[in-house]
Amino acid sequence: MITFISPYDCMLDVAKRAKELRLSQNLSRKTLAAKSGVSEPSIKRFESTGEIAFLSLLKIAHAMECQEDFTKIFCPHPIISLEDVLQKPRLRGRA
């Protein structure tokens, strides 16, 4: 799959979604820090810049019950042959 999002933009997007999830769970940074074991300044830096150590990111994800999402990273993609791509049915268009 081809993507046009840069690693930097992806990093900022993940940080934004993490902050939104934290707020939707009514967690302060202080509470999340206590729950995850990640320092409050690290959480603040992550939410504002996207930068964080991978282990800290996993701890935050675990504290917010999102750690399973990481099990999909680097999984092999199913091999698709050219025949499979060419034989896909059209979903839209005129008959």
PDB file of N, CA and C in Angstrom:
ATOM      1  N   MET A   1       0.838  -1.171   0.000  1.00  0.00           N
ATOM      2  CA  MET A   1       0.000   0.000   0.000  1.00  0.00           C
ATOM      3  C   MET A   1       0.887   1.238   0.000  1.00  0.00           C
ATOM      4  N   ILE A   2       0.574   2.170  -0.848  1.00  0.00           N
ATOM      5  CA  ILE A   2       1.335   3.402  -0.954  1.00  0.00           C
ATOM      6  C   ILE A   2       0.672   4.447  -0.060  1.00  0.00           C
ATOM      7  N   THR A   3       1.487   5.176   0.676  1.00  0.00           N
ATOM      8  CA  THR A   3       0.971   6.239   1.520  1.00  0.00           C
ATOM      9  C   THR A   3       1.728   7.524   1.223  1.00  0.00           C
ATOM     10  N   PHE A   4       1.043   8.631   1.369  1.00  0.00           N
ATOM     11  CA  PHE A   4       1.666   9.912   1.093  1.00  0.00           C
ATOM     12  C   PHE A   4       1.870  10.734   2.360  1.00  0.00           C
ATOM     13  N   ILE A   5       1.686  10.115   3.515  1.00  0.00           N
ATOM     14  CA  ILE A   5       1.896  10.811   4.773  1.00  0.00           C
ATOM     15  C   ILE A   5       3.347  10.620   5.200  1.00  0.00           C
ATOM     16  N   SER A   6       3.974  11.695   5.589  1.00  0.00           N
ATOM     17  CA  SER A   6       5.380  11.616   5.989  1.00  0.00           C
ATOM     18  C   SER A   6       5.484  11.039   7.398  1.00  0.00           C
ATOM     19  N   PRO A   7       6.641  10.508   7.757  1.00  0.00           N
ATOM     20  CA  PRO A   7       6.824  10.014   9.121  1.00  0.00           C
ATOM     21  C   PRO A   7       6.567  11.111  10.161  1.00  0.00           C
ATOM     22  N   TYR A   8       6.984  12.331   9.860  1.00  0.00           N
ATOM     23  CA  TYR A   8       6.772  13.442  10.783  1.00  0.00           C
ATOM     24  C   TYR A   8       5.276  13.712  10.973  1.00  0.00           C
ATOM     25  N   ASP A   9       4.531  13.745   9.872  1.00  0.00           N
ATOM     26  CA  ASP A   9       3.081  13.974   9.965  1.00  0.00           C
ATOM     27  C   ASP A   9       2.389  12.837  10.704  1.00  0.00           C
ATOM     28  N   CYS A  10       2.842  11.625  10.484  1.00  0.00           N
ATOM     29  CA  CYS A  10       2.282  10.464  11.180  1.00  0.00           C
ATOM     30  C   CYS A  10       2.526  10.589  12.678  1.00  0.00           C
ATOM     31  N   MET A  11       3.725  11.003  13.053  1.00  0.00           N
ATOM     32  CA  MET A  11       4.084  11.181  14.449  1.00  0.00           C
ATOM     33  C   MET A  11       3.166  12.207  15.108  1.00  0.00           C
ATOM     34  N   LEU A  12       2.933  13.335  14.443  1.00  0.00           N
ATOM     35  CA  LEU A  12       2.055  14.368  14.987  1.00  0.00           C
ATOM     36  C   LEU A  12       0.609  13.892  15.076  1.00  0.00           C
ATOM     37  N   ASP A  13       0.187  13.113  14.100  1.00  0.00           N
ATOM     38  CA  ASP A  13      -1.180  12.594  14.099  1.00  0.00           C
ATOM     39  C   ASP A  13      -1.404  11.613  15.245  1.00  0.00           C
ATOM     40  N   VAL A  14      -0.438  10.744  15.490  1.00  0.00           N
ATOM     41  CA  VAL A  14      -0.535   9.791  16.599  1.00  0.00           C
ATOM     42  C   VAL A  14      -0.596  10.549  17.925  1.00  0.00           C
ATOM     43  N   ALA A  15       0.243  11.569  18.076  1.00  0.00           N
ATOM     44  CA  ALA A  15       0.246  12.359  19.308  1.00  0.00           C
ATOM     45  C   ALA A  15      -1.093  13.065  19.505  1.00  0.00           C
ATOM     46  N   LYS A  16      -1.644  13.591  18.439  1.00  0.00           N
ATOM     47  CA  LYS A  16      -2.941  14.287  18.519  1.00  0.00           C
ATOM     48  C   LYS A  16      -4.043  13.319  18.942  1.00  0.00           C
ATOM     49  N   ARG A  17      -4.044  12.124  18.323  1.00  0.00           N
ATOM     50  CA  ARG A  17      -5.070  11.135  18.675  1.00  0.00           C
ATOM     51  C   ARG A  17      -4.903  10.631  20.099  1.00  0.00           C
ATOM     52  N   ALA A  18      -3.662  10.493  20.555  1.00  0.00           N
ATOM     53  CA  ALA A  18      -3.421  10.064  21.939  1.00  0.00           C
ATOM     54  C   ALA A  18      -3.954  11.106  22.916  1.00  0.00           C
ATOM     55  N   LYS A  19      -3.717  12.364  22.633  1.00  0.00           N
ATOM     56  CA  LYS A  19      -4.215  13.433  23.502  1.00  0.00           C
ATOM     57  C   LYS A  19      -5.745  13.446  23.515  1.00  0.00           C
ATOM     58  N   GLU A  20      -6.349  13.313  22.332  1.00  0.00           N
ATOM     59  CA  GLU A  20      -7.811  13.292  22.253  1.00  0.00           C
ATOM     60  C   GLU A  20      -8.383  12.111  23.037  1.00  0.00           C
ATOM     61  N   LEU A  21      -7.738  10.958  22.954  1.00  0.00           N
ATOM     62  CA  LEU A  21      -8.201   9.789  23.698  1.00  0.00           C
ATOM     63  C   LEU A  21      -8.043  10.005  25.198  1.00  0.00           C
ATOM     64  N   ARG A  22      -6.916  10.578  25.587  1.00  0.00           N
ATOM     65  CA  ARG A  22      -6.695  10.864  27.011  1.00  0.00           C
ATOM     66  C   ARG A  22      -7.794  11.782  27.538  1.00  0.00           C
ATOM     67  N   LEU A  23      -8.100  12.819  26.795  1.00  0.00           N
ATOM     68  CA  LEU A  23      -9.135  13.757  27.224  1.00  0.00           C
ATOM     69  C   LEU A  23     -10.519  13.109  27.227  1.00  0.00           C
ATOM     70  N   SER A  24     -10.783  12.253  26.242  1.00  0.00           N
ATOM     71  CA  SER A  24     -12.092  11.580  26.193  1.00  0.00           C
ATOM     72  C   SER A  24     -12.266  10.604  27.352  1.00  0.00           C
ATOM     73  N   GLN A  25     -11.141  10.094  27.872  1.00  0.00           N
ATOM     74  CA  GLN A  25     -11.185   9.207  29.036  1.00  0.00           C
ATOM     75  C   GLN A  25     -11.115  10.000  30.342  1.00  0.00           C
ATOM     76  N   ASN A  26     -11.165  11.327  30.210  1.00  0.00           N
ATOM     77  CA  ASN A  26     -11.155  12.232  31.360  1.00  0.00           C
ATOM     78  C   ASN A  26      -9.924  12.032  32.242  1.00  0.00           C
ATOM     79  N   LEU A  27      -8.771  11.839  31.584  1.00  0.00           N
ATOM     80  CA  LEU A  27      -7.505  11.665  32.298  1.00  0.00           C
ATOM     81  C   LEU A  27      -6.678  12.931  32.188  1.00  0.00           C
ATOM     82  N   SER A  28      -6.170  13.407  33.286  1.00  0.00           N
ATOM     83  CA  SER A  28      -5.206  14.506  33.242  1.00  0.00           C
ATOM     84  C   SER A  28      -3.846  13.915  32.888  1.00  0.00           C
ATOM     85  N   ARG A  29      -2.915  14.764  32.507  1.00  0.00           N
ATOM     86  CA  ARG A  29      -1.556  14.273  32.251  1.00  0.00           C
ATOM     87  C   ARG A  29      -0.974  13.652  33.514  1.00  0.00           C
ATOM     88  N   LYS A  30      -1.274  14.262  34.637  1.00  0.00           N
ATOM     89  CA  LYS A  30      -0.761  13.763  35.916  1.00  0.00           C
ATOM     90  C   LYS A  30      -1.302  12.366  36.209  1.00  0.00           C
ATOM     91  N   THR A  31      -2.588  12.171  35.986  1.00  0.00           N
ATOM     92  CA  THR A  31      -3.206  10.864  36.213  1.00  0.00           C
ATOM     93  C   THR A  31      -2.650   9.820  35.249  1.00  0.00           C
ATOM     94  N   LEU A  32      -2.513  10.206  33.985  1.00  0.00           N
ATOM     95  CA  LEU A  32      -1.950   9.280  32.999  1.00  0.00           C
ATOM     96  C   LEU A  32      -0.515   8.933  33.351  1.00  0.00           C
ATOM     97  N   ALA A  33       0.229   9.899  33.830  1.00  0.00           N
ATOM     98  CA  ALA A  33       1.619   9.642  34.234  1.00  0.00           C
ATOM     99  C   ALA A  33       1.665   8.612  35.359  1.00  0.00           C
ATOM    100  N   ALA A  34       0.796   8.774  36.338  1.00  0.00           N
ATOM    101  CA  ALA A  34       0.766   7.819  37.462  1.00  0.00           C
ATOM    102  C   ALA A  34       0.318   6.441  36.987  1.00  0.00           C
ATOM    103  N   LYS A  35      -0.643   6.407  36.096  1.00  0.00           N
ATOM    104  CA  LYS A  35      -1.199   5.142  35.606  1.00  0.00           C
ATOM    105  C   LYS A  35      -0.224   4.401  34.679  1.00  0.00           C
ATOM    106  N   SER A  36       0.563   5.159  33.904  1.00  0.00           N
ATOM    107  CA  SER A  36       1.435   4.549  32.895  1.00  0.00           C
ATOM    108  C   SER A  36       2.880   4.384  33.352  1.00  0.00           C
ATOM    109  N   GLY A  37       3.306   5.184  34.316  1.00  0.00           N
ATOM    110  CA  GLY A  37       4.710   5.151  34.715  1.00  0.00           C
ATOM    111  C   GLY A  37       5.591   6.015  33.837  1.00  0.00           C
ATOM    112  N   VAL A  38       4.979   6.810  32.966  1.00  0.00           N
ATOM    113  CA  VAL A  38       5.708   7.743  32.103  1.00  0.00           C
ATOM    114  C   VAL A  38       5.588   9.119  32.749  1.00  0.00           C
ATOM    115  N   SER A  39       6.675   9.851  32.799  1.00  0.00           N
ATOM    116  CA  SER A  39       6.648  11.149  33.487  1.00  0.00           C
ATOM    117  C   SER A  39       5.695  12.126  32.792  1.00  0.00           C
ATOM    118  N   GLU A  40       5.148  13.008  33.602  1.00  0.00           N
ATOM    119  CA  GLU A  40       4.231  14.025  33.068  1.00  0.00           C
ATOM    120  C   GLU A  40       4.906  14.919  32.017  1.00  0.00           C
ATOM    121  N   PRO A  41       6.159  15.368  32.235  1.00  0.00           N
ATOM    122  CA  PRO A  41       6.821  16.155  31.177  1.00  0.00           C
ATOM    123  C   PRO A  41       6.996  15.372  29.863  1.00  0.00           C
ATOM    124  N   SER A  42       7.225  14.071  29.966  1.00  0.00           N
ATOM    125  CA  SER A  42       7.349  13.251  28.742  1.00  0.00           C
ATOM    126  C   SER A  42       6.024  13.189  28.001  1.00  0.00           C
ATOM    127  N   ILE A  43       4.934  13.080  28.743  1.00  0.00           N
ATOM    128  CA  ILE A  43       3.605  13.048  28.118  1.00  0.00           C
ATOM    129  C   ILE A  43       3.318  14.395  27.467  1.00  0.00           C
ATOM    130  N   LYS A  44       3.647  15.475  28.153  1.00  0.00           N
ATOM    131  CA  LYS A  44       3.432  16.821  27.595  1.00  0.00           C
ATOM    132  C   LYS A  44       4.233  16.994  26.305  1.00  0.00           C
ATOM    133  N   ARG A  45       5.521  16.591  26.322  1.00  0.00           N
ATOM    134  CA  ARG A  45       6.367  16.698  25.133  1.00  0.00           C
ATOM    135  C   ARG A  45       5.795  15.850  23.994  1.00  0.00           C
ATOM    136  N   PHE A  46       5.360  14.640  24.316  1.00  0.00           N
ATOM    137  CA  PHE A  46       4.779  13.766  23.299  1.00  0.00           C
ATOM    138  C   PHE A  46       3.549  14.412  22.664  1.00  0.00           C
ATOM    139  N   GLU A  47       2.665  14.933  23.481  1.00  0.00           N
ATOM    140  CA  GLU A  47       1.436  15.521  22.948  1.00  0.00           C
ATOM    141  C   GLU A  47       1.685  16.786  22.127  1.00  0.00           C
ATOM    142  N   SER A  48       2.751  17.499  22.427  1.00  0.00           N
ATOM    143  CA  SER A  48       3.004  18.735  21.689  1.00  0.00           C
ATOM    144  C   SER A  48       3.948  18.556  20.497  1.00  0.00           C
ATOM    145  N   THR A  49       4.854  17.577  20.563  1.00  0.00           N
ATOM    146  CA  THR A  49       5.824  17.405  19.467  1.00  0.00           C
ATOM    147  C   THR A  49       5.729  16.053  18.774  1.00  0.00           C
ATOM    148  N   GLY A  50       5.112  15.076  19.430  1.00  0.00           N
ATOM    149  CA  GLY A  50       5.050  13.724  18.883  1.00  0.00           C
ATOM    150  C   GLY A  50       6.246  12.874  19.252  1.00  0.00           C
ATOM    151  N   GLU A  51       7.245  13.458  19.894  1.00  0.00           N
ATOM    152  CA  GLU A  51       8.471  12.725  20.213  1.00  0.00           C
ATOM    153  C   GLU A  51       8.351  12.001  21.551  1.00  0.00           C
ATOM    154  N   ILE A  52       8.677  10.703  21.526  1.00  0.00           N
ATOM    155  CA  ILE A  52       8.609   9.880  22.729  1.00  0.00           C
ATOM    156  C   ILE A  52       9.376   8.585  22.493  1.00  0.00           C
ATOM    157  N   ALA A  53       9.918   8.023  23.541  1.00  0.00           N
ATOM    158  CA  ALA A  53      10.576   6.719  23.433  1.00  0.00           C
ATOM    159  C   ALA A  53       9.509   5.655  23.174  1.00  0.00           C
ATOM    160  N   PHE A  54       9.865   4.651  22.411  1.00  0.00           N
ATOM    161  CA  PHE A  54       8.895   3.624  22.039  1.00  0.00           C
ATOM    162  C   PHE A  54       8.320   2.918  23.266  1.00  0.00           C
ATOM    163  N   LEU A  55       9.162   2.582  24.242  1.00  0.00           N
ATOM    164  CA  LEU A  55       8.680   1.921  25.449  1.00  0.00           C
ATOM    165  C   LEU A  55       7.672   2.810  26.186  1.00  0.00           C
ATOM    166  N   SER A  56       7.936   4.103  26.244  1.00  0.00           N
ATOM    167  CA  SER A  56       6.997   5.026  26.891  1.00  0.00           C
ATOM    168  C   SER A  56       5.681   5.087  26.124  1.00  0.00           C
ATOM    169  N   LEU A  57       5.762   5.065  24.805  1.00  0.00           N
ATOM    170  CA  LEU A  57       4.547   5.054  23.994  1.00  0.00           C
ATOM    171  C   LEU A  57       3.715   3.806  24.278  1.00  0.00           C
ATOM    172  N   LEU A  58       4.387   2.666  24.390  1.00  0.00           N
ATOM    173  CA  LEU A  58       3.679   1.429  24.712  1.00  0.00           C
ATOM    174  C   LEU A  58       3.051   1.483  26.099  1.00  0.00           C
ATOM    175  N   LYS A  59       3.742   2.077  27.049  1.00  0.00           N
ATOM    176  CA  LYS A  59       3.194   2.206  28.403  1.00  0.00           C
ATOM    177  C   LYS A  59       1.949   3.091  28.406  1.00  0.00           C
ATOM    178  N   ILE A  60       1.991   4.178  27.659  1.00  0.00           N
ATOM    179  CA  ILE A  60       0.828   5.063  27.558  1.00  0.00           C
ATOM    180  C   ILE A  60      -0.324   4.330  26.879  1.00  0.00           C
ATOM    181  N   ALA A  61      -0.021   3.620  25.808  1.00  0.00           N
ATOM    182  CA  ALA A  61      -1.057   2.859  25.100  1.00  0.00           C
ATOM    183  C   ALA A  61      -1.676   1.810  26.013  1.00  0.00           C
ATOM    184  N   HIS A  62      -0.854   1.150  26.801  1.00  0.00           N
ATOM    185  CA  HIS A  62      -1.356   0.146  27.738  1.00  0.00           C
ATOM    186  C   HIS A  62      -2.265   0.786  28.784  1.00  0.00           C
ATOM    187  N   ALA A  63      -1.858   1.921  29.298  1.00  0.00           N
ATOM    188  CA  ALA A  63      -2.658   2.617  30.313  1.00  0.00           C
ATOM    189  C   ALA A  63      -4.003   3.075  29.759  1.00  0.00           C
ATOM    190  N   MET A  64      -4.053   3.358  28.451  1.00  0.00           N
ATOM    191  CA  MET A  64      -5.311   3.799  27.835  1.00  0.00           C
ATOM    192  C   MET A  64      -5.994   2.673  27.062  1.00  0.00           C
ATOM    193  N   GLU A  65      -5.534   1.436  27.314  1.00  0.00           N
ATOM    194  CA  GLU A  65      -6.128   0.229  26.732  1.00  0.00           C
ATOM    195  C   GLU A  65      -6.089   0.215  25.201  1.00  0.00           C
ATOM    196  N   CYS A  66      -4.938   0.615  24.644  1.00  0.00           N
ATOM    197  CA  CYS A  66      -4.745   0.617  23.189  1.00  0.00           C
ATOM    198  C   CYS A  66      -3.530  -0.194  22.760  1.00  0.00           C
ATOM    199  N   GLN A  67      -2.931  -0.927  23.661  1.00  0.00           N
ATOM    200  CA  GLN A  67      -1.688  -1.617  23.343  1.00  0.00           C
ATOM    201  C   GLN A  67      -1.863  -2.649  22.227  1.00  0.00           C
ATOM    202  N   GLU A  68      -3.037  -3.244  22.131  1.00  0.00           N
ATOM    203  CA  GLU A  68      -3.255  -4.259  21.084  1.00  0.00           C
ATOM    204  C   GLU A  68      -3.093  -3.690  19.682  1.00  0.00           C
ATOM    205  N   ASP A  69      -3.290  -2.389  19.513  1.00  0.00           N
ATOM    206  CA  ASP A  69      -3.129  -1.779  18.194  1.00  0.00           C
ATOM    207  C   ASP A  69      -1.706  -1.962  17.667  1.00  0.00           C
ATOM    208  N   PHE A  70      -0.742  -2.113  18.565  1.00  0.00           N
ATOM    209  CA  PHE A  70       0.645  -2.268  18.152  1.00  0.00           C
ATOM    210  C   PHE A  70       0.943  -3.667  17.626  1.00  0.00           C
ATOM    211  N   THR A  71       0.065  -4.616  17.852  1.00  0.00           N
ATOM    212  CA  THR A  71       0.308  -5.972  17.351  1.00  0.00           C
ATOM    213  C   THR A  71       0.206  -6.044  15.835  1.00  0.00           C
ATOM    214  N   LYS A  72      -0.362  -5.016  15.219  1.00  0.00           N
ATOM    215  CA  LYS A  72      -0.524  -4.998  13.758  1.00  0.00           C
ATOM    216  C   LYS A  72       0.665  -4.379  13.030  1.00  0.00           C
ATOM    217  N   ILE A  73       1.558  -3.737  13.791  1.00  0.00           N
ATOM    218  CA  ILE A  73       2.706  -3.079  13.169  1.00  0.00           C
ATOM    219  C   ILE A  73       3.699  -4.130  12.668  1.00  0.00           C
ATOM    220  N   PHE A  74       4.167  -3.946  11.465  1.00  0.00           N
ATOM    221  CA  PHE A  74       5.167  -4.793  10.818  1.00  0.00           C
ATOM    222  C   PHE A  74       4.693  -6.216  10.548  1.00  0.00           C
ATOM    223  N   CYS A  75       3.382  -6.432  10.541  1.00  0.00           N
ATOM    224  CA  CYS A  75       2.861  -7.744  10.144  1.00  0.00           C
ATOM    225  C   CYS A  75       2.982  -7.862   8.628  1.00  0.00           C
ATOM    226  N   PRO A  76       3.244  -9.066   8.135  1.00  0.00           N
ATOM    227  CA  PRO A  76       3.347  -9.224   6.685  1.00  0.00           C
ATOM    228  C   PRO A  76       1.998  -8.939   6.019  1.00  0.00           C
ATOM    229  N   HIS A  77       2.071  -8.273   4.891  1.00  0.00           N
ATOM    230  CA  HIS A  77       0.861  -8.004   4.113  1.00  0.00           C
ATOM    231  C   HIS A  77       0.583  -9.211   3.224  1.00  0.00           C
ATOM    232  N   PRO A  78      -0.680  -9.505   3.001  1.00  0.00           N
ATOM    233  CA  PRO A  78      -0.974 -10.619   2.095  1.00  0.00           C
ATOM    234  C   PRO A  78      -0.458 -10.300   0.693  1.00  0.00           C
ATOM    235  N   ILE A  79       0.085 -11.314   0.046  1.00  0.00           N
ATOM    236  CA  ILE A  79       0.606 -11.123  -1.304  1.00  0.00           C
ATOM    237  C   ILE A  79      -0.561 -11.037  -2.264  1.00  0.00           C
ATOM    238  N   ILE A  80      -0.533 -10.006  -3.071  1.00  0.00           N
ATOM    239  CA  ILE A  80      -1.588  -9.810  -4.066  1.00  0.00           C
ATOM    240  C   ILE A  80      -0.945  -9.929  -5.437  1.00  0.00           C
ATOM    241  N   SER A  81      -1.499 -10.790  -6.246  1.00  0.00           N
ATOM    242  CA  SER A  81      -0.961 -10.946  -7.593  1.00  0.00           C
ATOM    243  C   SER A  81      -1.569  -9.879  -8.500  1.00  0.00           C
ATOM    244  N   LEU A  82      -0.959  -9.678  -9.624  1.00  0.00           N
ATOM    245  CA  LEU A  82      -1.472  -8.724 -10.595  1.00  0.00           C
ATOM    246  C   LEU A  82      -2.850  -9.156 -11.071  1.00  0.00           C
ATOM    247  N   GLU A  83      -3.067 -10.453 -11.190  1.00  0.00           N
ATOM    248  CA  GLU A  83      -4.380 -10.970 -11.589  1.00  0.00           C
ATOM    249  C   GLU A  83      -5.460 -10.580 -10.570  1.00  0.00           C
ATOM    250  N   ASP A  84      -5.124 -10.694  -9.280  1.00  0.00           N
ATOM    251  CA  ASP A  84      -6.077 -10.317  -8.232  1.00  0.00           C
ATOM    252  C   ASP A  84      -6.457  -8.843  -8.335  1.00  0.00           C
ATOM    253  N   VAL A  85      -5.476  -8.014  -8.593  1.00  0.00           N
ATOM    254  CA  VAL A  85      -5.731  -6.575  -8.693  1.00  0.00           C
ATOM    255  C   VAL A  85      -6.593  -6.267  -9.907  1.00  0.00           C
ATOM    256  N   LEU A  86      -6.285  -6.893 -11.024  1.00  0.00           N
ATOM    257  CA  LEU A  86      -7.023  -6.616 -12.253  1.00  0.00           C
ATOM    258  C   LEU A  86      -8.437  -7.171 -12.234  1.00  0.00           C
ATOM    259  N   GLN A  87      -8.703  -8.200 -11.435  1.00  0.00           N
ATOM    260  CA  GLN A  87     -10.028  -8.826 -11.410  1.00  0.00           C
ATOM    261  C   GLN A  87     -10.926  -8.275 -10.332  1.00  0.00           C
ATOM    262  N   LYS A  88     -10.524  -7.237  -9.613  1.00  0.00           N
ATOM    263  CA  LYS A  88     -11.374  -6.680  -8.574  1.00  0.00           C
ATOM    264  C   LYS A  88     -12.623  -6.081  -9.236  1.00  0.00           C
ATOM    265  N   PRO A  89     -13.790  -6.360  -8.655  1.00  0.00           N
ATOM    266  CA  PRO A  89     -15.015  -5.798  -9.234  1.00  0.00           C
ATOM    267  C   PRO A  89     -15.098  -4.296  -8.997  1.00  0.00           C
ATOM    268  N   ARG A  90     -15.694  -3.606  -9.932  1.00  0.00           N
ATOM    269  CA  ARG A  90     -15.892  -2.172  -9.778  1.00  0.00           C
ATOM    270  C   ARG A  90     -16.978  -1.925  -8.762  1.00  0.00           C
ATOM    271  N   LEU A  91     -16.745  -0.990  -7.876  1.00  0.00           N
ATOM    272  CA  LEU A  91     -17.737  -0.663  -6.856  1.00  0.00           C
ATOM    273  C   LEU A  91     -18.593   0.517  -7.262  1.00  0.00           C
ATOM    274  N   ARG A  92     -18.074   1.365  -8.132  1.00  0.00           N
ATOM    275  CA  ARG A  92     -18.815   2.538  -8.562  1.00  0.00           C
ATOM    276  C   ARG A  92     -18.662   2.704 -10.055  1.00  0.00           C
ATOM    277  N   GLY A  93     -19.474   3.507 -10.624  1.00  0.00           N
ATOM    278  CA  GLY A  93     -19.357   3.794 -12.042  1.00  0.00           C
ATOM    279  C   GLY A  93     -20.658   3.489 -12.757  1.00  0.00           C
ATOM    280  N   ARG A  94     -20.697   3.863 -14.011  1.00  0.00           N
ATOM    281  CA  ARG A  94     -21.903   3.626 -14.814  1.00  0.00           C
ATOM    282  C   ARG A  94     -21.878   2.228 -15.394  1.00  0.00           C
ATOM    283  N   ALA A  95     -23.032   1.672 -15.550  1.00  0.00           N
ATOM    284  CA  ALA A  95     -23.149   0.302 -16.050  1.00  0.00           C
ATOM    285  C   ALA A  95     -22.955   0.203 -17.526  1.00  0.00           C
TER     286      ALA A  95
END
